N, C-alpha and C. Protein backbone atom coordinates (compact mmCIF):
# COMPACT_ATOMS: atom_id res chain seq x y z
N MET A 1 146.10 -53.71 102.21
CA MET A 1 144.56 -54.27 101.75
C MET A 1 144.54 -55.76 102.33
N THR A 2 143.53 -55.59 102.96
CA THR A 2 143.26 -56.89 103.74
C THR A 2 142.52 -57.89 102.82
N PRO A 3 142.48 -59.16 103.02
CA PRO A 3 141.78 -60.10 102.25
C PRO A 3 140.37 -59.60 102.18
N ARG A 4 139.86 -59.32 103.42
CA ARG A 4 138.41 -58.96 103.35
C ARG A 4 138.09 -57.89 102.51
N THR A 5 138.93 -56.89 102.36
CA THR A 5 138.66 -55.64 101.45
C THR A 5 138.78 -56.27 99.97
N LEU A 6 139.73 -57.13 99.74
CA LEU A 6 139.86 -57.50 98.40
C LEU A 6 138.68 -58.26 97.99
N THR A 7 138.21 -58.97 98.92
CA THR A 7 136.86 -59.76 98.57
C THR A 7 135.62 -58.77 98.34
N LEU A 8 135.68 -57.86 99.04
CA LEU A 8 134.59 -56.87 99.08
C LEU A 8 134.68 -56.10 97.85
N LEU A 9 135.91 -55.65 97.32
CA LEU A 9 136.22 -55.14 96.08
C LEU A 9 135.83 -55.96 94.90
N ASN A 10 136.34 -57.26 95.05
CA ASN A 10 136.14 -58.29 93.96
C ASN A 10 134.54 -58.37 94.09
N THR A 11 133.84 -58.41 94.96
CA THR A 11 132.27 -58.67 94.92
C THR A 11 131.71 -57.54 94.04
N ILE A 12 132.21 -56.28 94.59
CA ILE A 12 131.64 -54.87 94.17
C ILE A 12 132.03 -54.91 92.36
N GLY A 13 133.27 -55.31 92.03
CA GLY A 13 133.74 -55.41 90.80
C GLY A 13 132.75 -56.39 89.85
N CYS A 14 132.61 -57.59 90.61
CA CYS A 14 131.65 -58.65 90.07
C CYS A 14 130.47 -58.17 89.58
N LEU A 15 129.78 -57.39 90.76
CA LEU A 15 128.36 -56.76 90.71
C LEU A 15 128.50 -55.92 89.50
N ALA A 16 129.50 -54.99 89.26
CA ALA A 16 129.53 -53.90 88.54
C ALA A 16 129.62 -54.63 86.99
N LEU A 17 130.37 -55.64 86.95
CA LEU A 17 130.68 -56.19 85.67
C LEU A 17 129.35 -57.07 85.33
N THR A 18 128.71 -57.46 86.33
CA THR A 18 127.40 -58.21 85.90
C THR A 18 126.31 -57.21 85.54
N GLY A 19 126.29 -55.92 86.36
CA GLY A 19 125.30 -54.87 85.80
C GLY A 19 125.45 -54.33 84.37
N LEU A 20 126.80 -54.19 84.33
CA LEU A 20 127.36 -53.88 82.78
C LEU A 20 127.07 -54.88 81.87
N VAL A 21 127.01 -56.08 82.06
CA VAL A 21 126.77 -57.09 81.30
C VAL A 21 125.10 -57.24 80.99
N VAL A 22 124.49 -57.05 82.14
CA VAL A 22 123.02 -56.97 81.89
C VAL A 22 122.60 -55.62 81.08
N ALA A 23 123.32 -54.58 81.42
CA ALA A 23 123.02 -53.48 80.66
C ALA A 23 123.06 -53.60 79.18
N GLN A 24 124.28 -54.26 78.82
CA GLN A 24 124.70 -54.30 77.69
C GLN A 24 123.66 -55.37 76.72
N TRP A 25 123.44 -56.46 77.65
CA TRP A 25 122.39 -57.41 77.06
C TRP A 25 121.11 -56.69 76.75
N CYS A 26 120.57 -55.95 77.79
CA CYS A 26 119.29 -55.23 77.46
C CYS A 26 119.48 -54.35 76.31
N LYS A 27 120.79 -53.64 76.12
CA LYS A 27 120.72 -53.06 74.94
C LYS A 27 120.87 -53.54 73.70
N GLU A 28 121.52 -54.72 73.82
CA GLU A 28 121.60 -55.70 72.45
C GLU A 28 120.10 -56.41 72.32
N ARG A 29 119.42 -56.34 73.22
CA ARG A 29 117.86 -56.72 72.87
C ARG A 29 117.07 -55.92 72.35
N THR A 30 117.32 -54.55 72.69
CA THR A 30 116.72 -53.57 72.15
C THR A 30 117.12 -53.39 70.82
N ILE A 31 118.51 -53.24 70.83
CA ILE A 31 118.86 -53.04 69.19
C ILE A 31 118.53 -54.17 68.22
N SER A 32 118.62 -55.30 68.85
CA SER A 32 117.88 -56.64 68.06
C SER A 32 116.63 -56.42 67.69
N GLY A 33 115.83 -55.88 68.70
CA GLY A 33 114.42 -55.70 68.43
C GLY A 33 114.18 -54.71 67.09
N ASN A 34 114.81 -53.52 67.63
CA ASN A 34 114.75 -52.66 66.59
C ASN A 34 115.47 -53.00 65.24
N LEU A 35 116.26 -53.77 65.19
CA LEU A 35 116.96 -54.50 63.76
C LEU A 35 115.79 -55.44 63.30
N THR A 36 114.98 -56.16 64.04
CA THR A 36 114.22 -57.10 63.50
C THR A 36 112.95 -56.29 63.04
N GLU A 37 112.47 -55.06 63.78
CA GLU A 37 111.28 -54.23 63.26
C GLU A 37 111.80 -53.52 61.93
N THR A 38 113.30 -53.07 61.94
CA THR A 38 113.70 -52.36 60.66
C THR A 38 113.65 -53.54 59.50
N THR A 39 114.07 -54.69 59.84
CA THR A 39 114.12 -55.66 58.65
C THR A 39 112.74 -55.93 58.11
N ARG A 40 111.78 -56.02 59.05
CA ARG A 40 110.48 -56.23 58.79
C ARG A 40 109.77 -55.02 57.98
N GLN A 41 110.12 -53.73 58.53
CA GLN A 41 109.60 -52.83 57.64
C GLN A 41 110.33 -52.65 56.27
N LEU A 42 111.33 -53.23 56.19
CA LEU A 42 112.53 -53.19 54.97
C LEU A 42 111.69 -54.15 53.84
N VAL A 43 111.44 -55.40 54.40
CA VAL A 43 110.70 -56.58 53.67
C VAL A 43 109.42 -56.01 53.19
N SER A 44 108.49 -55.27 54.12
CA SER A 44 107.39 -54.77 53.88
C SER A 44 107.52 -53.78 52.59
N ALA A 45 108.54 -52.84 52.76
CA ALA A 45 108.61 -51.73 51.79
C ALA A 45 109.09 -52.33 50.27
N LYS A 46 109.84 -53.38 50.52
CA LYS A 46 110.20 -53.99 49.25
C LYS A 46 108.94 -54.39 48.69
N ASP A 47 108.10 -55.49 49.38
CA ASP A 47 106.99 -55.91 48.82
C ASP A 47 105.94 -54.87 48.09
N GLN A 48 105.80 -53.78 49.08
CA GLN A 48 105.08 -52.70 48.50
C GLN A 48 105.70 -52.06 47.34
N ALA A 49 106.80 -52.03 47.19
CA ALA A 49 107.48 -51.49 46.17
C ALA A 49 107.25 -52.48 44.77
N ALA A 50 107.49 -53.82 45.21
CA ALA A 50 107.16 -54.64 44.00
C ALA A 50 105.66 -54.49 43.48
N GLU A 51 105.07 -54.46 44.52
CA GLU A 51 103.38 -54.54 44.11
C GLU A 51 103.06 -53.00 43.46
N GLU A 52 103.66 -52.04 43.80
CA GLU A 52 103.36 -50.79 43.07
C GLU A 52 104.05 -50.75 41.65
N SER A 53 105.21 -51.33 41.53
CA SER A 53 105.99 -51.65 40.41
C SER A 53 104.88 -52.66 39.32
N GLN A 54 104.44 -53.54 39.85
CA GLN A 54 103.58 -54.35 39.15
C GLN A 54 102.25 -53.34 38.69
N ARG A 55 101.92 -52.75 39.59
CA ARG A 55 100.52 -52.09 39.12
C ARG A 55 100.80 -50.89 38.37
N ARG A 56 102.20 -50.37 38.43
CA ARG A 56 102.56 -49.31 37.20
C ARG A 56 102.76 -49.92 35.90
N ALA A 57 103.27 -51.10 36.21
CA ALA A 57 103.34 -51.92 34.54
C ALA A 57 102.01 -52.16 34.21
N ALA A 58 101.07 -52.75 34.86
CA ALA A 58 99.63 -53.12 34.56
C ALA A 58 99.06 -51.61 33.97
N LEU A 59 99.35 -50.54 34.57
CA LEU A 59 98.85 -49.39 34.23
C LEU A 59 99.16 -48.92 32.67
N GLU A 60 100.57 -49.10 32.71
CA GLU A 60 101.25 -48.78 31.45
C GLU A 60 100.78 -49.77 30.45
N ARG A 61 100.29 -51.10 30.64
CA ARG A 61 99.84 -51.98 29.49
C ARG A 61 98.29 -51.37 29.30
N ASP A 62 97.66 -51.02 30.50
CA ASP A 62 96.35 -50.53 30.09
C ASP A 62 96.31 -49.18 29.22
N ILE A 63 97.35 -48.38 29.58
CA ILE A 63 97.39 -47.08 28.61
C ILE A 63 97.61 -47.69 27.21
N VAL A 64 98.52 -48.50 27.16
CA VAL A 64 98.90 -48.78 25.68
C VAL A 64 97.59 -49.48 25.13
N VAL A 65 97.02 -50.30 25.66
CA VAL A 65 95.74 -50.80 25.26
C VAL A 65 94.69 -49.76 24.81
N LEU A 66 94.52 -48.81 25.78
CA LEU A 66 93.50 -47.72 25.54
C LEU A 66 93.78 -47.02 24.36
N LYS A 67 95.05 -46.56 24.27
CA LYS A 67 95.53 -45.80 23.06
C LYS A 67 95.22 -46.66 21.92
N GLU A 68 95.68 -47.75 21.91
CA GLU A 68 95.43 -48.81 20.58
C GLU A 68 93.76 -48.56 20.24
N THR A 69 93.00 -48.72 21.28
CA THR A 69 91.54 -48.82 21.33
C THR A 69 91.02 -47.67 20.66
N ILE A 70 91.66 -46.46 21.27
CA ILE A 70 91.15 -45.09 20.69
C ILE A 70 91.58 -44.87 19.29
N GLU A 71 92.89 -45.31 19.17
CA GLU A 71 93.17 -45.33 17.28
C GLU A 71 92.10 -46.26 16.44
N ALA A 72 91.74 -47.18 17.08
CA ALA A 72 91.04 -48.14 16.22
C ALA A 72 89.67 -47.44 16.13
N THR A 73 89.22 -46.71 17.18
CA THR A 73 87.87 -46.19 17.34
C THR A 73 87.84 -45.10 16.40
N GLN A 74 88.90 -44.36 16.54
CA GLN A 74 89.16 -42.93 15.44
C GLN A 74 89.04 -43.73 13.83
N LYS A 75 89.76 -44.67 13.62
CA LYS A 75 89.90 -45.16 12.35
C LYS A 75 88.48 -45.74 11.99
N ALA A 76 87.85 -46.38 12.81
CA ALA A 76 86.28 -46.89 12.46
C ALA A 76 85.52 -45.68 12.39
N ALA A 77 85.63 -44.61 13.05
CA ALA A 77 84.92 -43.44 12.98
C ALA A 77 85.01 -42.78 11.67
N GLU A 78 86.24 -42.76 11.18
CA GLU A 78 86.56 -42.20 9.97
C GLU A 78 86.09 -43.04 8.69
N ALA A 79 86.18 -44.39 8.81
CA ALA A 79 85.67 -45.12 7.85
C ALA A 79 84.16 -45.00 7.82
N SER A 80 83.53 -45.02 9.19
CA SER A 80 82.20 -44.78 9.18
C SER A 80 81.59 -43.31 8.41
N ALA A 81 82.45 -42.44 8.63
CA ALA A 81 82.13 -41.14 8.01
C ALA A 81 82.19 -41.17 6.52
N HIS A 82 83.20 -41.70 6.16
CA HIS A 82 83.35 -42.00 4.68
C HIS A 82 82.35 -42.81 4.18
N ASP A 83 81.96 -43.93 4.77
CA ASP A 83 80.84 -44.91 4.21
C ASP A 83 79.57 -43.93 4.29
N PHE A 84 79.32 -43.31 5.28
CA PHE A 84 78.05 -42.28 5.46
C PHE A 84 78.13 -41.33 4.20
N ALA A 85 79.23 -40.69 3.90
CA ALA A 85 79.42 -39.75 2.85
C ALA A 85 78.98 -40.56 1.54
N GLU A 86 79.31 -41.64 1.46
CA GLU A 86 79.18 -42.64 0.09
C GLU A 86 77.72 -42.92 0.02
N LYS A 87 77.23 -43.43 1.06
CA LYS A 87 75.56 -43.73 1.14
C LYS A 87 75.00 -42.47 1.04
N ASP A 88 75.28 -41.37 1.60
CA ASP A 88 74.72 -40.03 1.34
C ASP A 88 74.54 -39.66 -0.15
N ALA A 89 75.59 -39.80 -0.63
CA ALA A 89 75.78 -39.41 -2.03
C ALA A 89 74.97 -40.50 -2.96
N LEU A 90 74.92 -41.58 -2.60
CA LEU A 90 74.28 -42.73 -3.20
C LEU A 90 72.72 -42.37 -3.02
N ALA A 91 72.12 -42.03 -1.70
CA ALA A 91 70.86 -41.71 -1.61
C ALA A 91 70.49 -40.60 -2.37
N ASN A 92 71.47 -39.45 -2.46
CA ASN A 92 71.21 -38.26 -3.25
C ASN A 92 70.83 -38.63 -4.66
N GLY A 93 71.72 -39.59 -5.27
CA GLY A 93 71.52 -39.86 -6.63
C GLY A 93 70.34 -40.56 -6.75
N LEU A 94 70.06 -41.56 -5.79
CA LEU A 94 68.77 -42.45 -6.04
C LEU A 94 67.58 -41.57 -5.97
N GLN A 95 67.71 -40.51 -5.21
CA GLN A 95 66.59 -39.44 -4.99
C GLN A 95 66.32 -38.84 -6.24
N ALA A 96 67.64 -38.33 -6.98
CA ALA A 96 67.43 -37.58 -8.10
C ALA A 96 66.76 -38.62 -9.32
N GLN A 97 67.09 -39.79 -9.13
CA GLN A 97 66.62 -40.81 -10.15
C GLN A 97 65.32 -41.02 -9.86
N LEU A 98 64.76 -41.27 -8.68
CA LEU A 98 63.49 -41.19 -8.42
C LEU A 98 62.45 -39.95 -8.84
N THR A 99 63.03 -38.86 -8.60
CA THR A 99 62.49 -37.87 -9.08
C THR A 99 62.18 -37.70 -10.56
N SER A 100 63.37 -38.08 -11.38
CA SER A 100 63.24 -37.95 -12.60
C SER A 100 62.37 -39.23 -13.16
N ALA A 101 62.31 -40.23 -12.64
CA ALA A 101 61.49 -41.45 -12.81
C ALA A 101 60.17 -40.96 -12.72
N ARG A 102 59.55 -40.48 -11.66
CA ARG A 102 58.22 -39.87 -11.30
C ARG A 102 57.92 -38.79 -12.39
N GLU A 103 58.73 -37.92 -12.73
CA GLU A 103 58.54 -37.01 -13.97
C GLU A 103 58.19 -37.87 -15.27
N GLN A 104 59.18 -38.66 -15.27
CA GLN A 104 58.94 -39.42 -16.63
C GLN A 104 57.51 -40.36 -16.81
N VAL A 105 57.01 -40.93 -15.36
CA VAL A 105 55.84 -41.42 -15.33
C VAL A 105 54.80 -40.49 -15.69
N VAL A 106 54.85 -39.29 -15.01
CA VAL A 106 53.80 -38.44 -15.34
C VAL A 106 53.46 -37.95 -16.98
N VAL A 107 54.84 -37.90 -17.59
CA VAL A 107 54.89 -37.69 -18.99
C VAL A 107 54.27 -38.95 -19.78
N TRP A 108 54.57 -40.27 -19.31
CA TRP A 108 53.99 -41.42 -19.85
C TRP A 108 52.63 -41.36 -19.58
N GLU A 109 52.08 -41.08 -18.39
CA GLU A 109 50.62 -41.02 -18.13
C GLU A 109 49.88 -40.04 -19.02
N ALA A 110 50.54 -38.89 -19.35
CA ALA A 110 49.97 -38.01 -20.12
C ALA A 110 49.82 -38.42 -21.77
N ALA A 111 51.01 -39.07 -22.07
CA ALA A 111 51.08 -39.99 -23.50
C ALA A 111 50.21 -40.82 -23.55
N LEU A 112 49.83 -41.68 -22.62
CA LEU A 112 48.66 -42.77 -22.56
C LEU A 112 47.44 -42.12 -22.61
N LYS A 113 47.14 -41.03 -21.89
CA LYS A 113 45.80 -40.55 -21.92
C LYS A 113 45.45 -39.91 -23.22
N THR A 114 46.51 -39.26 -23.84
CA THR A 114 46.28 -39.02 -25.12
C THR A 114 46.22 -39.93 -26.24
N ARG A 115 47.01 -41.10 -25.90
CA ARG A 115 46.64 -42.19 -26.77
C ARG A 115 45.16 -42.66 -26.69
N ASP A 116 44.95 -42.89 -25.46
CA ASP A 116 43.60 -43.52 -25.16
C ASP A 116 42.34 -42.57 -25.83
N ASP A 117 42.65 -41.17 -25.64
CA ASP A 117 41.66 -40.30 -26.29
C ASP A 117 41.57 -40.54 -27.90
N ARG A 118 42.76 -40.74 -28.31
CA ARG A 118 42.84 -40.77 -29.85
C ARG A 118 42.08 -42.08 -30.24
N ILE A 119 42.53 -43.20 -29.40
CA ILE A 119 42.08 -44.46 -29.59
C ILE A 119 40.39 -44.45 -29.62
N HIS A 120 39.86 -43.49 -28.59
CA HIS A 120 38.49 -43.52 -28.40
C HIS A 120 38.01 -42.83 -29.62
N LEU A 121 38.68 -41.86 -29.96
CA LEU A 121 38.17 -41.01 -31.32
C LEU A 121 38.04 -41.89 -32.57
N LEU A 122 39.23 -42.51 -32.54
CA LEU A 122 39.43 -43.43 -33.86
C LEU A 122 38.08 -44.71 -34.00
N GLU A 123 37.94 -44.92 -32.71
CA GLU A 123 37.09 -46.27 -32.48
C GLU A 123 35.50 -45.52 -32.75
N SER A 124 35.47 -44.05 -32.32
CA SER A 124 33.99 -43.67 -32.76
C SER A 124 33.71 -43.53 -34.02
N GLN A 125 34.97 -43.16 -34.59
CA GLN A 125 34.89 -42.93 -36.27
C GLN A 125 34.95 -44.11 -37.04
N LEU A 126 35.59 -45.16 -36.48
CA LEU A 126 35.58 -46.45 -37.00
C LEU A 126 34.07 -47.04 -36.92
N VAL A 127 33.39 -46.80 -35.67
CA VAL A 127 32.00 -47.24 -35.42
C VAL A 127 31.02 -46.42 -36.37
N ALA A 128 31.27 -45.12 -36.85
CA ALA A 128 30.55 -44.51 -37.54
C ALA A 128 30.53 -44.67 -38.91
N THR A 129 32.12 -44.88 -39.30
CA THR A 129 32.18 -45.42 -40.66
C THR A 129 31.71 -46.88 -41.04
N ARG A 130 31.75 -47.66 -39.93
CA ARG A 130 31.15 -49.15 -40.16
C ARG A 130 29.59 -49.04 -40.41
N LYS A 131 29.05 -48.12 -39.51
CA LYS A 131 27.50 -47.93 -39.66
C LYS A 131 27.11 -47.33 -41.10
N ARG A 132 28.04 -46.48 -41.69
CA ARG A 132 27.61 -45.89 -42.98
C ARG A 132 27.78 -47.13 -44.07
N LEU A 133 29.07 -47.81 -43.62
CA LEU A 133 29.22 -49.02 -44.54
C LEU A 133 27.92 -49.93 -44.49
N ASP A 134 27.71 -50.07 -43.40
CA ASP A 134 26.53 -51.18 -43.28
C ASP A 134 25.16 -50.38 -44.05
N GLU A 135 25.16 -49.21 -43.73
CA GLU A 135 23.76 -48.40 -44.44
C GLU A 135 24.08 -48.55 -46.09
N ALA A 136 25.32 -48.40 -46.54
CA ALA A 136 25.49 -48.41 -48.00
C ALA A 136 25.46 -49.87 -48.49
N ILE A 137 25.79 -50.91 -47.57
CA ILE A 137 25.73 -52.31 -47.91
C ILE A 137 24.25 -52.65 -48.20
N THR A 138 23.19 -52.19 -47.16
CA THR A 138 21.94 -52.35 -47.12
C THR A 138 21.24 -51.81 -48.37
N LYS A 139 21.83 -50.50 -48.71
CA LYS A 139 21.37 -49.80 -49.81
C LYS A 139 21.67 -50.34 -51.12
N LEU A 140 22.75 -50.86 -51.05
CA LEU A 140 23.45 -51.55 -52.21
C LEU A 140 22.42 -53.06 -52.58
N LYS A 141 22.26 -53.73 -51.47
CA LYS A 141 21.46 -54.93 -51.52
C LYS A 141 19.97 -54.65 -51.96
N THR A 142 19.47 -53.37 -51.36
CA THR A 142 18.13 -53.14 -51.77
C THR A 142 17.93 -52.77 -53.12
N ALA A 143 19.06 -52.06 -53.58
CA ALA A 143 19.17 -51.45 -54.94
C ALA A 143 19.30 -52.68 -55.96
N GLY A 144 20.12 -53.62 -55.51
CA GLY A 144 20.42 -54.81 -56.16
C GLY A 144 19.09 -55.64 -56.38
N GLU A 145 18.47 -55.65 -55.63
CA GLU A 145 17.04 -56.44 -55.78
C GLU A 145 16.09 -55.86 -56.55
N LYS A 146 16.13 -54.60 -56.65
CA LYS A 146 15.20 -53.77 -57.38
C LYS A 146 15.38 -53.93 -58.97
């Protein structure tokens, strides 16, 4: 091997090594880009998972609050139904008392009318008796003067 061949082989080897280094460098750049993109996607996925976890926790709290509200509403509805039943019973009782009072008023009005009629009768009898007494007194006075 001549020195010139060795130089040529050395140059070809250096060029091959340089090509290999450039190829590996390009491959490393691509892998690094892919790794950066994958890392960015991983961070994005973690952020999204954290947001979804927060959203899930908020929804679970909302569900608990909603259940409590429904229970409170049901209890209020039951209390209202109970109050309504009591008020309905009270209204029925008051209606019965009102009917009884109206009937009693009718009886009292009839009794008052009877009493008034009796008073008028007695008053007319009293007037007639007074007239007779006045006539008797007048006759006695005239008889006493004679």
